[in-house]
Amino acid sequence: MIPLGISVEGRKAIEEMAEEKCNVETETKDSNAPSVVEIKKQRGVVSHIWNSIFRLRRDDFEKRLQYISKEEAAVLARLQRRSQTWRRMTKHLIIFTVIFEVLRLDFYFDRLIIVHLDS
């Protein structure tokens, strides 16, 4: 779609560029040569350093955000599991402590009653 504010010559130029693009696409599909996507240029060390400093490839931020959100979800799930495990362990610890205290007191009173009955 061509914007309305462009002059007639600009529209013709845009239409010609669109036609050339279509022609190039059909030529690459018809020929047996590998497409531009298949050919990958090897980059050198300096290129890697330059790109890492100045971040010429901005399209990676979306992938990074998705990766970070997945990692964050995994970390939150792990933290929640740990929290539930600790809560369960403390609950069981309290229950076992109360049970053992009741058993200890029962044993103590049984001994006390036996000692008083013998005397």
PDB file of N, CA and C in Angstrom:
ATOM      1  N   MET A   1       0.851  -1.171   0.000  1.00  0.00           N
ATOM      2  CA  MET A   1       0.000   0.000   0.000  1.00  0.00           C
ATOM      3  C   MET A   1       0.892   1.227   0.000  1.00  0.00           C
ATOM      4  N   ILE A   2       0.585   2.165  -0.867  1.00  0.00           N
ATOM      5  CA  ILE A   2       1.390   3.367  -1.023  1.00  0.00           C
ATOM      6  C   ILE A   2       0.729   4.499  -0.244  1.00  0.00           C
ATOM      7  N   PRO A   3       1.491   5.219   0.591  1.00  0.00           N
ATOM      8  CA  PRO A   3       0.910   6.319   1.351  1.00  0.00           C
ATOM      9  C   PRO A   3       0.377   7.416   0.444  1.00  0.00           C
ATOM     10  N   LEU A   4      -0.618   8.155   0.897  1.00  0.00           N
ATOM     11  CA  LEU A   4      -1.279   9.169   0.077  1.00  0.00           C
ATOM     12  C   LEU A   4      -0.442  10.426  -0.114  1.00  0.00           C
ATOM     13  N   GLY A   5       0.460  10.740   0.783  1.00  0.00           N
ATOM     14  CA  GLY A   5       1.214  11.981   0.710  1.00  0.00           C
ATOM     15  C   GLY A   5       2.378  11.940  -0.256  1.00  0.00           C
ATOM     16  N   ILE A   6       2.575  10.876  -1.016  1.00  0.00           N
ATOM     17  CA  ILE A   6       3.713  10.743  -1.927  1.00  0.00           C
ATOM     18  C   ILE A   6       3.289  11.204  -3.320  1.00  0.00           C
ATOM     19  N   SER A   7       4.232  11.865  -4.002  1.00  0.00           N
ATOM     20  CA  SER A   7       3.939  12.380  -5.348  1.00  0.00           C
ATOM     21  C   SER A   7       3.819  11.230  -6.347  1.00  0.00           C
ATOM     22  N   VAL A   8       3.408  11.569  -7.561  1.00  0.00           N
ATOM     23  CA  VAL A   8       3.196  10.573  -8.610  1.00  0.00           C
ATOM     24  C   VAL A   8       4.516   9.902  -8.968  1.00  0.00           C
ATOM     25  N   GLU A   9       5.603  10.713  -9.076  1.00  0.00           N
ATOM     26  CA  GLU A   9       6.903  10.119  -9.424  1.00  0.00           C
ATOM     27  C   GLU A   9       7.369   9.172  -8.311  1.00  0.00           C
ATOM     28  N   GLY A  10       7.118   9.561  -7.056  1.00  0.00           N
ATOM     29  CA  GLY A  10       7.502   8.695  -5.947  1.00  0.00           C
ATOM     30  C   GLY A  10       6.730   7.391  -5.970  1.00  0.00           C
ATOM     31  N   ARG A  11       5.450   7.486  -6.347  1.00  0.00           N
ATOM     32  CA  ARG A  11       4.640   6.270  -6.428  1.00  0.00           C
ATOM     33  C   ARG A  11       5.142   5.345  -7.524  1.00  0.00           C
ATOM     34  N   LYS A  12       5.503   5.947  -8.677  1.00  0.00           N
ATOM     35  CA  LYS A  12       6.020   5.129  -9.773  1.00  0.00           C
ATOM     36  C   LYS A  12       7.315   4.443  -9.363  1.00  0.00           C
ATOM     37  N   ALA A  13       8.170   5.172  -8.644  1.00  0.00           N
ATOM     38  CA  ALA A  13       9.442   4.589  -8.211  1.00  0.00           C
ATOM     39  C   ALA A  13       9.192   3.427  -7.241  1.00  0.00           C
ATOM     40  N   ILE A  14       8.227   3.615  -6.353  1.00  0.00           N
ATOM     41  CA  ILE A  14       7.906   2.555  -5.398  1.00  0.00           C
ATOM     42  C   ILE A  14       7.337   1.342  -6.120  1.00  0.00           C
ATOM     43  N   GLU A  15       6.470   1.585  -7.110  1.00  0.00           N
ATOM     44  CA  GLU A  15       5.897   0.468  -7.867  1.00  0.00           C
ATOM     45  C   GLU A  15       6.970  -0.275  -8.646  1.00  0.00           C
ATOM     46  N   GLU A  16       7.936   0.467  -9.229  1.00  0.00           N
ATOM     47  CA  GLU A  16       9.025  -0.181  -9.956  1.00  0.00           C
ATOM     48  C   GLU A  16       9.886  -1.027  -9.025  1.00  0.00           C
ATOM     49  N   MET A  17      10.163  -0.490  -7.829  1.00  0.00           N
ATOM     50  CA  MET A  17      10.963  -1.253  -6.878  1.00  0.00           C
ATOM     51  C   MET A  17      10.220  -2.518  -6.441  1.00  0.00           C
ATOM     52  N   ALA A  18       8.899  -2.419  -6.282  1.00  0.00           N
ATOM     53  CA  ALA A  18       8.108  -3.589  -5.907  1.00  0.00           C
ATOM     54  C   ALA A  18       8.132  -4.634  -7.020  1.00  0.00           C
ATOM     55  N   GLU A  19       8.028  -4.186  -8.280  1.00  0.00           N
ATOM     56  CA  GLU A  19       8.080  -5.119  -9.403  1.00  0.00           C
ATOM     57  C   GLU A  19       9.444  -5.788  -9.493  1.00  0.00           C
ATOM     58  N   GLU A  20      10.508  -5.010  -9.284  1.00  0.00           N
ATOM     59  CA  GLU A  20      11.853  -5.592  -9.312  1.00  0.00           C
ATOM     60  C   GLU A  20      12.020  -6.636  -8.215  1.00  0.00           C
ATOM     61  N   LYS A  21      11.466  -6.347  -7.054  1.00  0.00           N
ATOM     62  CA  LYS A  21      11.548  -7.285  -5.948  1.00  0.00           C
ATOM     63  C   LYS A  21      10.817  -8.581  -6.302  1.00  0.00           C
ATOM     64  N   CYS A  22       9.651  -8.467  -6.926  1.00  0.00           N
ATOM     65  CA  CYS A  22       8.900  -9.657  -7.336  1.00  0.00           C
ATOM     66  C   CYS A  22       9.672 -10.443  -8.382  1.00  0.00           C
ATOM     67  N   ASN A  23      10.291  -9.736  -9.320  1.00  0.00           N
ATOM     68  CA  ASN A  23      11.062 -10.410 -10.355  1.00  0.00           C
ATOM     69  C   ASN A  23      12.264 -11.141  -9.763  1.00  0.00           C
ATOM     70  N   VAL A  24      12.929 -10.523  -8.818  1.00  0.00           N
ATOM     71  CA  VAL A  24      14.084 -11.157  -8.184  1.00  0.00           C
ATOM     72  C   VAL A  24      13.651 -12.390  -7.412  1.00  0.00           C
ATOM     73  N   GLU A  25      12.515 -12.332  -6.727  1.00  0.00           N
ATOM     74  CA  GLU A  25      12.019 -13.480  -5.975  1.00  0.00           C
ATOM     75  C   GLU A  25      11.677 -14.642  -6.893  1.00  0.00           C
ATOM     76  N   THR A  26      11.039 -14.350  -8.043  1.00  0.00           N
ATOM     77  CA  THR A  26      10.685 -15.436  -8.958  1.00  0.00           C
ATOM     78  C   THR A  26      11.930 -16.018  -9.611  1.00  0.00           C
ATOM     79  N   GLU A  27      12.936 -15.195  -9.890  1.00  0.00           N
ATOM     80  CA  GLU A  27      14.161 -15.709 -10.493  1.00  0.00           C
ATOM     81  C   GLU A  27      14.897 -16.633  -9.528  1.00  0.00           C
ATOM     82  N   THR A  28      14.943 -16.278  -8.260  1.00  0.00           N
ATOM     83  CA  THR A  28      15.645 -17.128  -7.299  1.00  0.00           C
ATOM     84  C   THR A  28      14.882 -18.423  -7.060  1.00  0.00           C
ATOM     85  N   LYS A  29      13.571 -18.396  -7.153  1.00  0.00           N
ATOM     86  CA  LYS A  29      12.795 -19.618  -6.970  1.00  0.00           C
ATOM     87  C   LYS A  29      12.965 -20.553  -8.159  1.00  0.00           C
ATOM     88  N   ASP A  30      13.087 -19.984  -9.363  1.00  0.00           N
ATOM     89  CA  ASP A  30      13.202 -20.799 -10.565  1.00  0.00           C
ATOM     90  C   ASP A  30      14.589 -21.414 -10.722  1.00  0.00           C
ATOM     91  N   SER A  31      15.612 -20.706 -10.345  1.00  0.00           N
ATOM     92  CA  SER A  31      16.976 -21.196 -10.550  1.00  0.00           C
ATOM     93  C   SER A  31      17.344 -22.222  -9.490  1.00  0.00           C
ATOM     94  N   ASN A  32      18.338 -23.044  -9.802  1.00  0.00           N
ATOM     95  CA  ASN A  32      18.806 -24.081  -8.875  1.00  0.00           C
ATOM     96  C   ASN A  32      19.873 -23.566  -7.921  1.00  0.00           C
ATOM     97  N   ALA A  33      20.279 -22.309  -8.078  1.00  0.00           N
ATOM     98  CA  ALA A  33      21.314 -21.751  -7.207  1.00  0.00           C
ATOM     99  C   ALA A  33      20.745 -21.577  -5.801  1.00  0.00           C
ATOM    100  N   PRO A  34      21.605 -21.681  -4.785  1.00  0.00           N
ATOM    101  CA  PRO A  34      21.111 -21.498  -3.415  1.00  0.00           C
ATOM    102  C   PRO A  34      20.643 -20.068  -3.183  1.00  0.00           C
ATOM    103  N   SER A  35      19.612 -19.938  -2.381  1.00  0.00           N
ATOM    104  CA  SER A  35      19.059 -18.612  -2.142  1.00  0.00           C
ATOM    105  C   SER A  35      19.954 -17.826  -1.200  1.00  0.00           C
ATOM    106  N   VAL A  36      19.610 -16.553  -1.039  1.00  0.00           N
ATOM    107  CA  VAL A  36      20.405 -15.664  -0.207  1.00  0.00           C
ATOM    108  C   VAL A  36      20.360 -16.117   1.256  1.00  0.00           C
ATOM    109  N   VAL A  37      19.237 -16.704   1.646  1.00  0.00           N
ATOM    110  CA  VAL A  37      19.079 -17.143   3.022  1.00  0.00           C
ATOM    111  C   VAL A  37      19.998 -18.323   3.315  1.00  0.00           C
ATOM    112  N   GLU A  38      20.190 -19.215   2.341  1.00  0.00           N
ATOM    113  CA  GLU A  38      20.997 -20.397   2.548  1.00  0.00           C
ATOM    114  C   GLU A  38      22.484 -20.068   2.652  1.00  0.00           C
ATOM    115  N   ILE A  39      22.943 -19.046   1.930  1.00  0.00           N
ATOM    116  CA  ILE A  39      24.356 -18.669   1.982  1.00  0.00           C
ATOM    117  C   ILE A  39      24.573 -17.837   3.227  1.00  0.00           C
ATOM    118  N   LYS A  40      25.503 -18.277   4.070  1.00  0.00           N
ATOM    119  CA  LYS A  40      25.774 -17.577   5.307  1.00  0.00           C
ATOM    120  C   LYS A  40      27.226 -17.127   5.303  1.00  0.00           C
ATOM    121  N   LYS A  41      27.416 -15.851   5.493  1.00  0.00           N
ATOM    122  CA  LYS A  41      28.757 -15.289   5.474  1.00  0.00           C
ATOM    123  C   LYS A  41      29.420 -15.529   6.824  1.00  0.00           C
ATOM    124  N   GLN A  42      30.646 -16.002   6.797  1.00  0.00           N
ATOM    125  CA  GLN A  42      31.365 -16.211   8.043  1.00  0.00           C
ATOM    126  C   GLN A  42      31.862 -14.873   8.561  1.00  0.00           C
ATOM    127  N   ARG A  43      31.689 -14.685   9.852  1.00  0.00           N
ATOM    128  CA  ARG A  43      32.108 -13.428  10.455  1.00  0.00           C
ATOM    129  C   ARG A  43      33.381 -13.655  11.241  1.00  0.00           C
ATOM    130  N   GLY A  44      34.207 -12.641  11.279  1.00  0.00           N
ATOM    131  CA  GLY A  44      35.466 -12.748  11.991  1.00  0.00           C
ATOM    132  C   GLY A  44      35.344 -12.328  13.438  1.00  0.00           C
ATOM    133  N   VAL A  45      36.452 -12.389  14.136  1.00  0.00           N
ATOM    134  CA  VAL A  45      36.500 -12.054  15.557  1.00  0.00           C
ATOM    135  C   VAL A  45      36.204 -10.575  15.757  1.00  0.00           C
ATOM    136  N   VAL A  46      36.792  -9.733  14.895  1.00  0.00           N
ATOM    137  CA  VAL A  46      36.583  -8.286  15.020  1.00  0.00           C
ATOM    138  C   VAL A  46      35.109  -7.953  14.816  1.00  0.00           C
ATOM    139  N   SER A  47      34.469  -8.629  13.871  1.00  0.00           N
ATOM    140  CA  SER A  47      33.046  -8.403  13.627  1.00  0.00           C
ATOM    141  C   SER A  47      32.214  -8.778  14.839  1.00  0.00           C
ATOM    142  N   HIS A  48      32.549  -9.884  15.477  1.00  0.00           N
ATOM    143  CA  HIS A  48      31.818 -10.295  16.686  1.00  0.00           C
ATOM    144  C   HIS A  48      31.986  -9.268  17.799  1.00  0.00           C
ATOM    145  N   ILE A  49      33.210  -8.796  17.982  1.00  0.00           N
ATOM    146  CA  ILE A  49      33.465  -7.803  19.032  1.00  0.00           C
ATOM    147  C   ILE A  49      32.724  -6.510  18.725  1.00  0.00           C
ATOM    148  N   TRP A  50      32.816  -6.051  17.467  1.00  0.00           N
ATOM    149  CA  TRP A  50      32.154  -4.808  17.058  1.00  0.00           C
ATOM    150  C   TRP A  50      30.654  -4.901  17.287  1.00  0.00           C
ATOM    151  N   ASN A  51      30.062  -6.001  16.853  1.00  0.00           N
ATOM    152  CA  ASN A  51      28.612  -6.174  17.015  1.00  0.00           C
ATOM    153  C   ASN A  51      28.214  -6.308  18.482  1.00  0.00           C
ATOM    154  N   SER A  52      29.065  -6.931  19.286  1.00  0.00           N
ATOM    155  CA  SER A  52      28.716  -7.056  20.699  1.00  0.00           C
ATOM    156  C   SER A  52      28.803  -5.717  21.412  1.00  0.00           C
ATOM    157  N   ILE A  53      29.707  -4.857  20.976  1.00  0.00           N
ATOM    158  CA  ILE A  53      29.833  -3.537  21.605  1.00  0.00           C
ATOM    159  C   ILE A  53      28.692  -2.621  21.183  1.00  0.00           C
ATOM    160  N   PHE A  54      28.440  -2.535  19.892  1.00  0.00           N
ATOM    161  CA  PHE A  54      27.475  -1.563  19.375  1.00  0.00           C
ATOM    162  C   PHE A  54      26.097  -2.147  19.116  1.00  0.00           C
ATOM    163  N   ARG A  55      25.915  -3.438  19.299  1.00  0.00           N
ATOM    164  CA  ARG A  55      24.610  -4.087  19.154  1.00  0.00           C
ATOM    165  C   ARG A  55      23.931  -3.724  17.845  1.00  0.00           C
ATOM    166  N   LEU A  56      24.562  -4.099  16.748  1.00  0.00           N
ATOM    167  CA  LEU A  56      23.987  -3.787  15.442  1.00  0.00           C
ATOM    168  C   LEU A  56      22.773  -4.654  15.137  1.00  0.00           C
ATOM    169  N   ARG A  57      22.700  -5.813  15.746  1.00  0.00           N
ATOM    170  CA  ARG A  57      21.546  -6.694  15.511  1.00  0.00           C
ATOM    171  C   ARG A  57      20.551  -6.495  16.638  1.00  0.00           C
ATOM    172  N   ARG A  58      19.573  -5.635  16.428  1.00  0.00           N
ATOM    173  CA  ARG A  58      18.600  -5.285  17.474  1.00  0.00           C
ATOM    174  C   ARG A  58      17.470  -6.305  17.583  1.00  0.00           C
ATOM    175  N   ASP A  59      17.319  -7.177  16.599  1.00  0.00           N
ATOM    176  CA  ASP A  59      16.181  -8.094  16.604  1.00  0.00           C
ATOM    177  C   ASP A  59      16.325  -9.193  17.651  1.00  0.00           C
ATOM    178  N   ASP A  60      17.467  -9.333  18.266  1.00  0.00           N
ATOM    179  CA  ASP A  60      17.665 -10.380  19.265  1.00  0.00           C
ATOM    180  C   ASP A  60      17.015 -10.045  20.605  1.00  0.00           C
ATOM    181  N   PHE A  61      16.604  -8.800  20.814  1.00  0.00           N
ATOM    182  CA  PHE A  61      16.031  -8.425  22.102  1.00  0.00           C
ATOM    183  C   PHE A  61      14.715  -9.139  22.369  1.00  0.00           C
ATOM    184  N   GLU A  62      13.917  -9.354  21.341  1.00  0.00           N
ATOM    185  CA  GLU A  62      12.651 -10.071  21.524  1.00  0.00           C
ATOM    186  C   GLU A  62      12.923 -11.507  21.982  1.00  0.00           C
ATOM    187  N   LYS A  63      13.905 -12.148  21.343  1.00  0.00           N
ATOM    188  CA  LYS A  63      14.265 -13.511  21.740  1.00  0.00           C
ATOM    189  C   LYS A  63      14.800 -13.530  23.161  1.00  0.00           C
ATOM    190  N   ARG A  64      15.609 -12.534  23.493  1.00  0.00           N
ATOM    191  CA  ARG A  64      16.155 -12.466  24.845  1.00  0.00           C
ATOM    192  C   ARG A  64      15.050 -12.280  25.871  1.00  0.00           C
ATOM    193  N   LEU A  65      14.077 -11.432  25.571  1.00  0.00           N
ATOM    194  CA  LEU A  65      12.969 -11.217  26.497  1.00  0.00           C
ATOM    195  C   LEU A  65      12.157 -12.489  26.695  1.00  0.00           C
ATOM    196  N   GLN A  66      11.926 -13.222  25.605  1.00  0.00           N
ATOM    197  CA  GLN A  66      11.194 -14.476  25.728  1.00  0.00           C
ATOM    198  C   GLN A  66      11.975 -15.474  26.571  1.00  0.00           C
ATOM    199  N   TYR A  67      13.289 -15.545  26.333  1.00  0.00           N
ATOM    200  CA  TYR A  67      14.128 -16.464  27.097  1.00  0.00           C
ATOM    201  C   TYR A  67      14.132 -16.088  28.571  1.00  0.00           C
ATOM    202  N   ILE A  68      14.257 -14.776  28.839  1.00  0.00           N
ATOM    203  CA  ILE A  68      14.271 -14.306  30.224  1.00  0.00           C
ATOM    204  C   ILE A  68      12.938 -14.599  30.908  1.00  0.00           C
ATOM    205  N   SER A  69      11.834 -14.403  30.181  1.00  0.00           N
ATOM    206  CA  SER A  69      10.530 -14.662  30.797  1.00  0.00           C
ATOM    207  C   SER A  69      10.358 -16.155  31.093  1.00  0.00           C
ATOM    208  N   LYS A  70      10.878 -17.022  30.212  1.00  0.00           N
ATOM    209  CA  LYS A  70      10.810 -18.461  30.482  1.00  0.00           C
ATOM    210  C   LYS A  70      11.664 -18.826  31.690  1.00  0.00           C
ATOM    211  N   GLU A  71      12.867 -18.258  31.748  1.00  0.00           N
ATOM    212  CA  GLU A  71      13.744 -18.527  32.881  1.00  0.00           C
ATOM    213  C   GLU A  71      13.134 -18.003  34.178  1.00  0.00           C
ATOM    214  N   GLU A  72      12.517 -16.824  34.097  1.00  0.00           N
ATOM    215  CA  GLU A  72      11.890 -16.244  35.286  1.00  0.00           C
ATOM    216  C   GLU A  72      10.749 -17.119  35.780  1.00  0.00           C
ATOM    217  N   ALA A  73       9.961 -17.648  34.851  1.00  0.00           N
ATOM    218  CA  ALA A  73       8.865 -18.539  35.228  1.00  0.00           C
ATOM    219  C   ALA A  73       9.410 -19.809  35.878  1.00  0.00           C
ATOM    220  N   ALA A  74      10.508 -20.330  35.335  1.00  0.00           N
ATOM    221  CA  ALA A  74      11.107 -21.533  35.914  1.00  0.00           C
ATOM    222  C   ALA A  74      11.635 -21.256  37.319  1.00  0.00           C
ATOM    223  N   VAL A  75      12.268 -20.094  37.494  1.00  0.00           N
ATOM    224  CA  VAL A  75      12.808 -19.744  38.814  1.00  0.00           C
ATOM    225  C   VAL A  75      11.678 -19.548  39.819  1.00  0.00           C
ATOM    226  N   LEU A  76      10.613 -18.875  39.396  1.00  0.00           N
ATOM    227  CA  LEU A  76       9.475 -18.667  40.299  1.00  0.00           C
ATOM    228  C   LEU A  76       8.820 -19.988  40.688  1.00  0.00           C
ATOM    229  N   ALA A  77       8.704 -20.899  39.733  1.00  0.00           N
ATOM    230  CA  ALA A  77       8.128 -22.216  40.045  1.00  0.00           C
ATOM    231  C   ALA A  77       9.019 -22.963  41.027  1.00  0.00           C
ATOM    232  N   ARG A  78      10.338 -22.884  40.827  1.00  0.00           N
ATOM    233  CA  ARG A  78      11.271 -23.549  41.728  1.00  0.00           C
ATOM    234  C   ARG A  78      11.186 -22.951  43.133  1.00  0.00           C
ATOM    235  N   LEU A  79      11.108 -21.619  43.208  1.00  0.00           N
ATOM    236  CA  LEU A  79      10.988 -20.969  44.517  1.00  0.00           C
ATOM    237  C   LEU A  79       9.691 -21.363  45.215  1.00  0.00           C
ATOM    238  N   GLN A  80       8.616 -21.458  44.459  1.00  0.00           N
ATOM    239  CA  GLN A  80       7.332 -21.844  45.044  1.00  0.00           C
ATOM    240  C   GLN A  80       7.387 -23.276  45.575  1.00  0.00           C
ATOM    241  N   ARG A  81       8.025 -24.173  44.790  1.00  0.00           N
ATOM    242  CA  ARG A  81       8.160 -25.554  45.262  1.00  0.00           C
ATOM    243  C   ARG A  81       8.982 -25.627  46.541  1.00  0.00           C
ATOM    244  N   ARG A  82      10.083 -24.871  46.580  1.00  0.00           N
ATOM    245  CA  ARG A  82      10.912 -24.863  47.790  1.00  0.00           C
ATOM    246  C   ARG A  82      10.142 -24.321  48.978  1.00  0.00           C
ATOM    247  N   SER A  83       9.366 -23.270  48.739  1.00  0.00           N
ATOM    248  CA  SER A  83       8.582 -22.680  49.816  1.00  0.00           C
ATOM    249  C   SER A  83       7.555 -23.682  50.349  1.00  0.00           C
ATOM    250  N   GLN A  84       6.889 -24.380  49.438  1.00  0.00           N
ATOM    251  CA  GLN A  84       5.920 -25.377  49.869  1.00  0.00           C
ATOM    252  C   GLN A  84       6.599 -26.520  50.615  1.00  0.00           C
ATOM    253  N   THR A  85       7.775 -26.916  50.167  1.00  0.00           N
ATOM    254  CA  THR A  85       8.504 -27.990  50.835  1.00  0.00           C
ATOM    255  C   THR A  85       8.887 -27.581  52.249  1.00  0.00           C
ATOM    256  N   TRP A  86       9.375 -26.354  52.407  1.00  0.00           N
ATOM    257  CA  TRP A  86       9.752 -25.886  53.737  1.00  0.00           C
ATOM    258  C   TRP A  86       8.538 -25.774  54.650  1.00  0.00           C
ATOM    259  N   ARG A  87       7.426 -25.292  54.101  1.00  0.00           N
ATOM    260  CA  ARG A  87       6.205 -25.214  54.919  1.00  0.00           C
ATOM    261  C   ARG A  87       5.759 -26.595  55.373  1.00  0.00           C
ATOM    262  N   ARG A  88       5.796 -27.546  54.455  1.00  0.00           N
ATOM    263  CA  ARG A  88       5.393 -28.911  54.785  1.00  0.00           C
ATOM    264  C   ARG A  88       6.332 -29.510  55.842  1.00  0.00           C
ATOM    265  N   MET A  89       7.637 -29.256  55.674  1.00  0.00           N
ATOM    266  CA  MET A  89       8.598 -29.783  56.648  1.00  0.00           C
ATOM    267  C   MET A  89       8.393 -29.170  58.024  1.00  0.00           C
ATOM    268  N   THR A  90       8.152 -27.877  58.092  1.00  0.00           N
ATOM    269  CA  THR A  90       7.930 -27.239  59.398  1.00  0.00           C
ATOM    270  C   THR A  90       6.635 -27.739  60.034  1.00  0.00           C
ATOM    271  N   LYS A  91       5.611 -27.926  59.207  1.00  0.00           N
ATOM    272  CA  LYS A  91       4.344 -28.449  59.733  1.00  0.00           C
ATOM    273  C   LYS A  91       4.552 -29.839  60.319  1.00  0.00           C
ATOM    274  N   HIS A  92       5.263 -30.711  59.593  1.00  0.00           N
ATOM    275  CA  HIS A  92       5.521 -32.056  60.090  1.00  0.00           C
ATOM    276  C   HIS A  92       6.414 -32.035  61.324  1.00  0.00           C
ATOM    277  N   LEU A  93       7.366 -31.138  61.356  1.00  0.00           N
ATOM    278  CA  LEU A  93       8.237 -31.020  62.523  1.00  0.00           C
ATOM    279  C   LEU A  93       7.439 -30.633  63.764  1.00  0.00           C
ATOM    280  N   ILE A  94       6.532 -29.683  63.601  1.00  0.00           N
ATOM    281  CA  ILE A  94       5.691 -29.274  64.733  1.00  0.00           C
ATOM    282  C   ILE A  94       4.800 -30.426  65.178  1.00  0.00           C
ATOM    283  N   ILE A  95       4.204 -31.141  64.233  1.00  0.00           N
ATOM    284  CA  ILE A  95       3.320 -32.265  64.577  1.00  0.00           C
ATOM    285  C   ILE A  95       4.097 -33.351  65.311  1.00  0.00           C
ATOM    286  N   PHE A  96       5.277 -33.728  64.798  1.00  0.00           N
ATOM    287  CA  PHE A  96       6.076 -34.764  65.450  1.00  0.00           C
ATOM    288  C   PHE A  96       6.556 -34.322  66.826  1.00  0.00           C
ATOM    289  N   THR A  97       6.876 -33.045  66.963  1.00  0.00           N
ATOM    290  CA  THR A  97       7.300 -32.534  68.267  1.00  0.00           C
ATOM    291  C   THR A  97       6.166 -32.647  69.280  1.00  0.00           C
ATOM    292  N   VAL A  98       4.970 -32.284  68.882  1.00  0.00           N
ATOM    293  CA  VAL A  98       3.818 -32.377  69.788  1.00  0.00           C
ATOM    294  C   VAL A  98       3.538 -33.840  70.138  1.00  0.00           C
ATOM    295  N   ILE A  99       3.593 -34.719  69.158  1.00  0.00           N
ATOM    296  CA  ILE A  99       3.340 -36.146  69.410  1.00  0.00           C
ATOM    297  C   ILE A  99       4.376 -36.714  70.375  1.00  0.00           C
ATOM    298  N   PHE A 100       5.642 -36.429  70.134  1.00  0.00           N
ATOM    299  CA  PHE A 100       6.688 -36.943  71.024  1.00  0.00           C
ATOM    300  C   PHE A 100       6.593 -36.347  72.423  1.00  0.00           C
ATOM    301  N   GLU A 101       6.177 -35.086  72.514  1.00  0.00           N
ATOM    302  CA  GLU A 101       5.993 -34.474  73.832  1.00  0.00           C
ATOM    303  C   GLU A 101       4.847 -35.154  74.592  1.00  0.00           C
ATOM    304  N   VAL A 102       3.766 -35.463  73.905  1.00  0.00           N
ATOM    305  CA  VAL A 102       2.643 -36.167  74.533  1.00  0.00           C
ATOM    306  C   VAL A 102       3.090 -37.558  74.983  1.00  0.00           C
ATOM    307  N   LEU A 103       3.854 -38.256  74.134  1.00  0.00           N
ATOM    308  CA  LEU A 103       4.346 -39.582  74.516  1.00  0.00           C
ATOM    309  C   LEU A 103       5.298 -39.501  75.717  1.00  0.00           C
ATOM    310  N   ARG A 104       6.135 -38.482  75.736  1.00  0.00           N
ATOM    311  CA  ARG A 104       7.063 -38.309  76.852  1.00  0.00           C
ATOM    312  C   ARG A 104       6.308 -38.054  78.155  1.00  0.00           C
ATOM    313  N   LEU A 105       5.305 -37.166  78.070  1.00  0.00           N
ATOM    314  CA  LEU A 105       4.516 -36.886  79.279  1.00  0.00           C
ATOM    315  C   LEU A 105       3.725 -38.116  79.732  1.00  0.00           C
ATOM    316  N   ASP A 106       3.204 -38.881  78.793  1.00  0.00           N
ATOM    317  CA  ASP A 106       2.476 -40.098  79.131  1.00  0.00           C
ATOM    318  C   ASP A 106       3.401 -41.086  79.835  1.00  0.00           C
ATOM    319  N   PHE A 107       4.581 -41.258  79.279  1.00  0.00           N
ATOM    320  CA  PHE A 107       5.548 -42.147  79.896  1.00  0.00           C
ATOM    321  C   PHE A 107       5.937 -41.656  81.290  1.00  0.00           C
ATOM    322  N   TYR A 108       6.143 -40.335  81.431  1.00  0.00           N
ATOM    323  CA  TYR A 108       6.494 -39.752  82.733  1.00  0.00           C
ATOM    324  C   TYR A 108       5.391 -39.998  83.758  1.00  0.00           C
ATOM    325  N   PHE A 109       4.124 -39.757  83.385  1.00  0.00           N
ATOM    326  CA  PHE A 109       3.028 -39.952  84.333  1.00  0.00           C
ATOM    327  C   PHE A 109       2.825 -41.425  84.657  1.00  0.00           C
ATOM    328  N   ASP A 110       3.032 -42.297  83.691  1.00  0.00           N
ATOM    329  CA  ASP A 110       2.946 -43.729  83.984  1.00  0.00           C
ATOM    330  C   ASP A 110       3.996 -44.126  85.006  1.00  0.00           C
ATOM    331  N   ARG A 111       5.195 -43.655  84.834  1.00  0.00           N
ATOM    332  CA  ARG A 111       6.267 -43.956  85.785  1.00  0.00           C
ATOM    333  C   ARG A 111       5.959 -43.374  87.175  1.00  0.00           C
ATOM    334  N   LEU A 112       5.412 -42.164  87.174  1.00  0.00           N
ATOM    335  CA  LEU A 112       5.096 -41.504  88.432  1.00  0.00           C
ATOM    336  C   LEU A 112       4.017 -42.283  89.181  1.00  0.00           C
ATOM    337  N   ILE A 113       3.022 -42.736  88.454  1.00  0.00           N
ATOM    338  CA  ILE A 113       1.931 -43.488  89.071  1.00  0.00           C
ATOM    339  C   ILE A 113       2.461 -44.823  89.587  1.00  0.00           C
ATOM    340  N   ILE A 114       3.334 -45.489  88.824  1.00  0.00           N
ATOM    341  CA  ILE A 114       3.885 -46.758  89.256  1.00  0.00           C
ATOM    342  C   ILE A 114       4.735 -46.588  90.513  1.00  0.00           C
ATOM    343  N   VAL A 115       5.499 -45.515  90.565  1.00  0.00           N
ATOM    344  CA  VAL A 115       6.347 -45.260  91.743  1.00  0.00           C
ATOM    345  C   VAL A 115       5.493 -44.990  92.964  1.00  0.00           C
ATOM    346  N   HIS A 116       4.408 -44.201  92.811  1.00  0.00           N
ATOM    347  CA  HIS A 116       3.542 -43.907  93.952  1.00  0.00           C
ATOM    348  C   HIS A 116       2.730 -45.130  94.397  1.00  0.00           C
ATOM    349  N   LEU A 117       2.356 -45.988  93.487  1.00  0.00           N
ATOM    350  CA  LEU A 117       1.610 -47.176  93.852  1.00  0.00           C
ATOM    351  C   LEU A 117       2.493 -48.173  94.602  1.00  0.00           C
ATOM    352  N   ASP A 118       3.760 -48.212  94.208  1.00  0.00           N
ATOM    353  CA  ASP A 118       4.690 -49.133  94.880  1.00  0.00           C
ATOM    354  C   ASP A 118       5.039 -48.662  96.290  1.00  0.00           C
ATOM    355  N   SER A 119       4.951 -47.419  96.559  1.00  0.00           N
ATOM    356  CA  SER A 119       5.383 -46.945  97.870  1.00  0.00           C
ATOM    357  C   SER A 119       4.342 -47.062  98.938  1.00  0.00           C
TER     358      SER A 119
END
